[in-house]
Amino acid sequence: MSSNLAGKLRVGTQKSHTAAENVGFMKCFVKGVVDKDCFAKFLSNLYFVYSALEGGIKNYKNHPTVGVMYFPELNRQDALVKDMEFYYGNQWQEQIKPSAATQVYLQRLHQLVTHTPELLIGHTYTRYMGDLSGGQMLQRIAQSGLNLTGFQGTSFYNFEQIPDKKAFKDTYRIALNSVPVDDVTAEKIVGEANYAFQLNMEMVQELEGSLIKAIGQVMFNTLTNSRSTGSTEVARS
């Protein structure tokens, strides 16, 4: 019997999705204003997040609930290593560290891996579905805004093992609906997905001070003074 977890996640995270799209850093990003140092820091924080998330999911690949959502072709850690090498050079590991907000994010992931691994599904949904959807637009913007060639510096967004993203997302939603959870656990997963949005927003908001230094407060205000309707607010058929 289908848990309709995919539908519950889509509807249950719409407000969070809209809030995430209205974070100042992202509003500047989608309008083509990308600062190289801020973008590199953004990706370095994601390196730590995905390392923790993917390590946790792999540990539970045979778990009756978590294992259903184990798709190694989604893994971003290796791609992020390429990006770290591009921005920081061969000694990149000595140059990056997780920001304060990222550390909070990592603590939450560690807590789930240790105690309630089924809630990791909320985090994989929030991150990977975003990466496969809006992330593809962000890649093009970054390539243009930073004059990048090919996938240099944007390997994170390049899913080499998933040539047909739409078909994969359909497969992913079918898998979500086959996860053996009751309504109570499903709602907890939705709640955790919303918390994942919050953690991601806090991680991005932390970068806004550096972005303002790069582009100026007036420009930042001009780019962020209006609130947009979220891309998921209108339910899709």
Protein backbone atom coordinates (compact mmCIF):
# COMPACT_ATOMS: atom_id res chain seq x y z
CA MET A 1 0.00 0.00 0.00
CA SER A 2 1.33 3.41 -0.95
CA SER A 3 2.25 5.75 1.90
CA ASN A 4 1.86 8.74 -0.45
CA LEU A 5 5.02 10.04 1.19
CA ALA A 6 5.99 11.87 -2.00
CA GLY A 7 2.72 13.79 -2.02
CA LYS A 8 2.92 14.54 1.69
CA LEU A 9 6.44 15.88 1.28
CA ARG A 10 5.55 18.01 -1.73
CA VAL A 11 2.54 19.64 -0.08
CA GLY A 12 4.03 19.71 3.40
CA THR A 13 7.18 21.60 2.38
CA GLN A 14 5.69 24.20 0.03
CA LYS A 15 5.96 27.07 2.52
CA SER A 16 9.53 26.12 3.39
CA HIS A 17 10.40 25.92 -0.30
CA THR A 18 9.04 29.42 -0.84
CA ALA A 19 10.94 30.75 2.18
CA ALA A 20 14.16 29.20 0.85
CA GLU A 21 13.67 30.84 -2.55
CA ASN A 22 13.25 34.22 -0.82
CA VAL A 23 16.52 34.13 1.10
CA GLY A 24 18.54 37.16 -0.01
CA PHE A 25 21.60 35.19 -1.12
CA MET A 26 19.50 32.97 -3.38
CA LYS A 27 17.50 35.90 -4.80
CA CYS A 28 20.76 37.53 -5.82
CA PHE A 29 21.99 34.24 -7.24
CA VAL A 30 18.98 33.64 -9.48
CA LYS A 31 19.30 37.21 -10.77
CA GLY A 32 22.81 36.44 -11.93
CA VAL A 33 24.75 38.10 -9.11
CA VAL A 34 27.33 35.50 -8.06
CA ASP A 35 30.48 36.27 -6.07
CA LYS A 36 33.22 33.69 -6.58
CA ASP A 37 34.40 33.59 -2.97
CA CYS A 38 30.85 33.31 -1.61
CA PHE A 39 29.97 30.58 -4.09
CA ALA A 40 33.12 28.63 -3.19
CA LYS A 41 32.25 28.92 0.51
CA PHE A 42 28.69 27.81 -0.25
CA LEU A 43 29.99 24.69 -1.98
CA SER A 44 32.53 24.01 0.77
CA ASN A 45 29.73 23.97 3.36
CA LEU A 46 27.79 21.57 1.15
CA TYR A 47 30.85 19.33 0.96
CA PHE A 48 30.62 18.76 4.72
CA VAL A 49 26.84 18.31 4.61
CA TYR A 50 26.87 15.76 1.79
CA SER A 51 29.80 13.87 3.29
CA ALA A 52 27.80 13.39 6.50
CA LEU A 53 24.49 12.71 4.76
CA GLU A 54 25.83 10.22 2.23
CA GLY A 55 27.96 8.43 4.78
CA GLY A 56 24.90 8.06 7.00
CA ILE A 57 22.64 6.82 4.22
CA LYS A 58 25.24 4.30 3.05
CA ASN A 59 25.46 2.87 6.57
CA TYR A 60 21.74 2.11 6.35
CA LYS A 61 21.53 0.89 2.75
CA ASN A 62 20.12 -2.42 4.02
CA HIS A 63 17.72 -0.76 6.45
CA PRO A 64 14.07 -1.69 5.70
CA THR A 65 13.04 1.98 5.50
CA VAL A 66 16.15 4.02 4.67
CA GLY A 67 17.45 1.42 2.22
CA VAL A 68 14.48 2.02 -0.10
CA MET A 69 15.84 5.53 -0.74
CA TYR A 70 19.47 4.50 -1.26
CA PHE A 71 20.40 5.85 -4.70
CA PRO A 72 24.21 6.07 -4.92
CA GLU A 73 23.93 7.74 -8.33
CA LEU A 74 22.75 10.84 -6.44
CA ASN A 75 25.93 11.12 -4.36
CA ARG A 76 27.53 14.57 -4.48
CA GLN A 77 30.62 14.17 -2.33
CA ASP A 78 33.02 13.24 -5.16
CA ALA A 79 31.67 16.03 -7.37
CA LEU A 80 32.16 18.52 -4.54
CA VAL A 81 35.78 17.34 -4.14
CA LYS A 82 36.32 18.37 -7.78
CA ASP A 83 34.87 21.79 -7.02
CA MET A 84 37.01 22.18 -3.90
CA GLU A 85 40.12 21.40 -5.96
CA PHE A 86 39.02 23.98 -8.55
CA TYR A 87 38.47 26.81 -6.06
CA TYR A 88 41.04 26.03 -3.39
CA GLY A 89 43.72 23.93 -5.12
CA ASN A 90 45.29 20.63 -4.09
CA GLN A 91 45.55 21.70 -0.45
CA TRP A 92 41.81 22.42 -0.25
CA GLN A 93 41.24 20.27 2.84
CA GLU A 94 43.47 22.57 4.85
CA GLN A 95 41.61 25.66 3.67
CA ILE A 96 37.98 24.85 4.36
CA LYS A 97 36.00 24.30 7.53
CA PRO A 98 32.27 24.11 8.21
CA SER A 99 30.64 27.40 9.15
CA ALA A 100 28.74 27.80 12.42
CA ALA A 101 25.38 27.10 10.75
CA THR A 102 26.87 24.14 8.90
CA GLN A 103 28.10 22.70 12.19
CA VAL A 104 24.54 22.82 13.54
CA TYR A 105 23.40 21.03 10.37
CA LEU A 106 26.09 18.36 10.82
CA GLN A 107 25.12 17.83 14.46
CA ARG A 108 21.54 17.18 13.40
CA LEU A 109 22.59 14.68 10.74
CA HIS A 110 24.82 12.86 13.23
CA GLN A 111 21.93 12.74 15.70
CA LEU A 112 19.65 11.16 13.09
CA VAL A 113 22.26 8.66 11.93
CA THR A 114 22.70 7.57 15.54
CA HIS A 115 19.10 7.54 16.74
CA THR A 116 16.41 7.91 14.04
CA PRO A 117 17.90 7.10 10.61
CA GLU A 118 14.49 6.95 8.88
CA LEU A 119 14.25 10.73 9.27
CA LEU A 120 17.29 11.12 7.00
CA ILE A 121 14.80 10.66 4.16
CA GLY A 122 13.55 14.19 4.88
CA HIS A 123 17.04 15.54 4.28
CA THR A 124 17.73 13.52 1.14
CA TYR A 125 14.40 14.67 -0.32
CA THR A 126 15.06 18.34 0.45
CA ARG A 127 18.57 18.39 -0.91
CA TYR A 128 18.53 16.03 -3.90
CA MET A 129 15.18 17.05 -5.34
CA GLY A 130 16.31 20.66 -5.18
CA ASP A 131 19.63 19.80 -6.80
CA LEU A 132 17.91 17.95 -9.63
CA SER A 133 15.37 20.73 -10.18
CA GLY A 134 16.31 24.35 -9.46
CA GLY A 135 19.94 23.38 -9.06
CA GLN A 136 20.23 22.88 -12.80
CA MET A 137 19.27 26.53 -13.35
CA LEU A 138 21.73 27.63 -10.67
CA GLN A 139 24.50 25.80 -12.47
CA ARG A 140 23.86 27.74 -15.67
CA ILE A 141 23.76 31.02 -13.73
CA ALA A 142 27.04 30.25 -11.96
CA GLN A 143 28.70 29.25 -15.23
CA SER A 144 27.63 32.54 -16.81
CA GLY A 145 28.20 34.79 -13.80
CA LEU A 146 31.67 33.42 -13.05
CA ASN A 147 32.72 32.80 -16.69
CA LEU A 148 33.27 29.12 -16.03
CA THR A 149 34.05 26.64 -18.78
CA GLY A 150 32.24 23.32 -18.92
CA PHE A 151 31.57 21.91 -15.47
CA GLN A 152 34.66 23.44 -13.86
CA GLY A 153 33.61 24.82 -10.51
CA THR A 154 30.03 23.54 -10.86
CA SER A 155 30.54 19.77 -10.77
CA PHE A 156 28.18 19.70 -7.80
CA TYR A 157 25.23 20.28 -10.12
CA ASN A 158 26.40 17.78 -12.75
CA PHE A 159 24.69 14.41 -12.25
CA GLU A 160 26.72 12.32 -14.66
CA GLN A 161 24.92 9.11 -13.74
CA ILE A 162 21.45 10.59 -14.20
CA PRO A 163 21.09 11.68 -17.85
CA ASP A 164 17.27 11.87 -17.70
CA LYS A 165 16.51 13.88 -14.57
CA LYS A 166 12.76 13.96 -15.09
CA ALA A 167 12.57 10.18 -15.39
CA PHE A 168 14.76 9.77 -12.32
CA LYS A 169 12.60 12.13 -10.25
CA ASP A 170 9.58 10.02 -11.19
CA THR A 171 11.45 6.90 -10.07
CA TYR A 172 12.42 8.66 -6.83
CA ARG A 173 8.82 9.62 -6.07
CA ILE A 174 7.66 6.05 -6.71
CA ALA A 175 10.34 4.86 -4.28
CA LEU A 176 9.18 7.40 -1.68
CA ASN A 177 5.66 6.03 -1.94
CA SER A 178 6.94 2.52 -1.39
CA VAL A 179 8.75 3.38 1.84
CA PRO A 180 7.11 1.24 4.56
CA VAL A 181 6.08 3.92 7.06
CA ASP A 182 2.88 4.65 8.96
CA ASP A 183 1.21 8.07 8.95
CA VAL A 184 2.93 9.15 12.17
CA THR A 185 6.41 8.40 10.80
CA ALA A 186 5.50 9.98 7.46
CA GLU A 187 4.57 13.22 9.23
CA LYS A 188 7.84 13.11 11.16
CA ILE A 189 9.72 12.77 7.86
CA VAL A 190 7.83 15.79 6.49
CA GLY A 191 8.68 17.72 9.64
CA GLU A 192 12.32 16.79 9.24
CA ALA A 193 12.26 17.90 5.59
CA ASN A 194 11.01 21.29 6.76
CA TYR A 195 13.80 21.42 9.32
CA ALA A 196 16.26 20.55 6.53
CA PHE A 197 14.99 23.59 4.61
CA GLN A 198 15.52 25.71 7.71
CA LEU A 199 19.07 24.43 8.21
CA ASN A 200 19.88 25.09 4.56
CA MET A 201 18.45 28.60 4.77
CA GLU A 202 20.51 29.41 7.85
CA MET A 203 23.63 28.10 6.12
CA VAL A 204 22.99 30.35 3.12
CA GLN A 205 21.95 33.40 5.16
CA GLU A 206 25.30 33.20 6.92
CA LEU A 207 26.97 34.08 3.60
CA GLU A 208 24.98 37.26 3.05
CA GLY A 209 27.42 39.47 4.98
CA SER A 210 30.23 38.46 2.65
CA LEU A 211 28.02 38.94 -0.39
CA ILE A 212 27.03 42.44 0.74
CA LYS A 213 30.73 43.31 1.13
CA ALA A 214 31.30 42.11 -2.43
CA ILE A 215 28.37 43.83 -4.17
CA GLY A 216 27.38 46.62 -1.75
CA GLN A 217 24.36 47.07 0.51
CA VAL A 218 22.40 49.17 -2.01
CA MET A 219 22.71 46.55 -4.73
CA PHE A 220 21.80 43.78 -2.27
CA ASN A 221 18.70 45.68 -1.13
CA THR A 222 17.64 46.36 -4.71
CA LEU A 223 17.89 42.69 -5.61
CA THR A 224 16.11 41.39 -2.53
CA ASN A 225 13.39 43.92 -1.67
CA SER A 226 10.49 42.02 -3.21
CA ARG A 227 9.06 38.66 -2.17
CA SER A 228 8.41 36.16 -4.94
CA THR A 229 5.76 33.46 -5.05
CA GLY A 230 7.36 30.08 -4.51
CA SER A 231 7.80 27.77 -7.47
CA THR A 232 6.02 24.98 -5.60
CA GLU A 233 3.17 26.98 -4.07
CA VAL A 234 0.79 26.11 -6.85
CA ALA A 235 0.26 22.37 -6.60
CA ARG A 236 1.38 20.58 -9.73
CA SER A 237 -0.73 17.90 -11.25
